[in-house]
Amino acid sequence: DEETTTRKIQTVELVIAYCNKDLNWMFKDVLGEITADRATAVKMTILSKCGNENLIPDFGKDERVHEVKVISLPNVGGCDFPFAYFMNRYIE
């Protein structure tokens, strides 16, 4: 007999390269897929490359979101630069 162990996901980390598109769809289409039981912590890092931080929705008001970081970066390298930047900092 094989014993199956089910693990509950404790943290979901979302990393978004952002310039100027509306991010409100994240509330329904992404956060809406995570139960609001506070057992799963959502951490969001938004890598803002175009200076439009004032257009980023207030994700912190969603009870599923435990942490929001907005990092301003130069607008270079398409979305590759912000993700490379994040991965480089993440593994440090």
Protein backbone atom coordinates (compact mmCIF):
# COMPACT_ATOMS: atom_id res chain seq x y z
CA ASP A 1 0.00 0.00 0.00
CA GLU A 2 1.30 3.38 -1.00
CA GLU A 3 0.57 6.21 1.34
CA THR A 4 -0.33 9.45 -0.38
CA THR A 5 0.56 12.68 1.34
CA THR A 6 -1.25 15.83 0.34
CA ARG A 7 0.55 19.07 0.98
CA LYS A 8 -1.26 22.35 1.11
CA ILE A 9 0.38 25.20 -0.77
CA GLN A 10 1.48 27.75 1.81
CA THR A 11 2.85 30.51 -0.40
CA VAL A 12 2.14 31.66 -3.93
CA GLU A 13 4.65 34.16 -5.26
CA LEU A 14 3.66 36.26 -8.27
CA VAL A 15 6.21 38.28 -10.21
CA ILE A 16 4.90 40.74 -12.78
CA ALA A 17 6.89 42.80 -15.30
CA TYR A 18 4.79 45.96 -15.62
CA CYS A 19 4.80 48.99 -17.89
CA ASN A 20 1.32 50.45 -18.39
CA LYS A 21 -1.37 47.82 -19.01
CA ASP A 22 -4.33 47.50 -16.65
CA LEU A 23 -3.60 44.91 -13.95
CA ASN A 24 -7.10 44.77 -12.44
CA TRP A 25 -7.70 41.44 -14.20
CA MET A 26 -5.33 39.92 -11.62
CA PHE A 27 -7.99 40.22 -8.90
CA LYS A 28 -10.44 37.89 -10.65
CA ASP A 29 -8.32 35.74 -12.94
CA VAL A 30 -5.36 35.05 -10.66
CA LEU A 31 -6.21 35.92 -7.07
CA GLY A 32 -9.73 34.60 -7.61
CA GLU A 33 -8.26 31.12 -8.02
CA ILE A 34 -6.77 31.20 -4.50
CA THR A 35 -9.05 30.50 -1.58
CA ALA A 36 -9.43 33.34 0.88
CA ASP A 37 -8.84 31.17 3.96
CA ARG A 38 -5.58 32.97 4.83
CA ALA A 39 -3.82 29.59 4.88
CA THR A 40 -2.12 30.44 1.59
CA ALA A 41 -0.03 33.60 1.57
CA VAL A 42 0.28 35.49 -1.70
CA LYS A 43 3.42 37.54 -2.22
CA MET A 44 3.50 39.90 -5.19
CA THR A 45 6.51 41.58 -6.71
CA ILE A 46 5.73 44.10 -9.44
CA LEU A 47 8.72 45.11 -11.53
CA SER A 48 7.70 48.51 -12.85
CA LYS A 49 9.71 49.66 -15.86
CA CYS A 50 7.89 52.71 -17.21
CA GLY A 51 7.38 54.97 -14.20
CA ASN A 52 3.65 54.24 -13.94
CA GLU A 53 3.61 53.01 -10.34
CA ASN A 54 0.61 55.25 -9.64
CA LEU A 55 -1.48 53.08 -12.04
CA ILE A 56 -0.81 49.83 -10.15
CA PRO A 57 -3.94 48.65 -8.31
CA ASP A 58 -3.84 48.36 -4.52
CA PHE A 59 -3.39 44.59 -4.31
CA GLY A 60 -2.73 44.88 -0.58
CA LYS A 61 -6.46 45.43 0.01
CA ASP A 62 -7.11 41.82 -1.06
CA GLU A 63 -7.13 39.53 1.99
CA ARG A 64 -5.21 36.83 0.12
CA VAL A 65 -2.26 39.15 -0.51
CA HIS A 66 0.19 39.23 2.39
CA GLU A 67 2.97 41.23 0.76
CA VAL A 68 3.32 43.59 -2.22
CA LYS A 69 6.64 44.98 -3.40
CA VAL A 70 6.91 47.45 -6.26
CA ILE A 71 10.42 47.78 -7.67
CA SER A 72 11.14 50.58 -10.14
CA LEU A 73 13.49 49.56 -12.94
CA PRO A 74 14.69 51.19 -16.15
CA ASN A 75 12.70 50.40 -19.28
CA VAL A 76 15.27 48.21 -21.02
CA GLY A 77 15.31 44.68 -22.39
CA GLY A 78 11.60 44.02 -22.79
CA CYS A 79 10.31 41.74 -20.02
CA ASP A 80 13.56 39.76 -19.96
CA PHE A 81 15.49 42.37 -17.98
CA PRO A 82 13.02 42.66 -15.07
CA PHE A 83 12.71 38.88 -14.71
CA ALA A 84 16.50 38.44 -14.85
CA TYR A 85 16.82 41.21 -12.27
CA PHE A 86 14.31 39.48 -10.00
CA MET A 87 15.89 36.03 -10.35
CA ASN A 88 19.34 37.45 -9.65
CA ARG A 89 18.09 39.12 -6.44
CA TYR A 90 15.94 36.15 -5.45
CA ILE A 91 18.79 33.67 -5.30
CA GLU A 92 21.06 35.99 -3.30
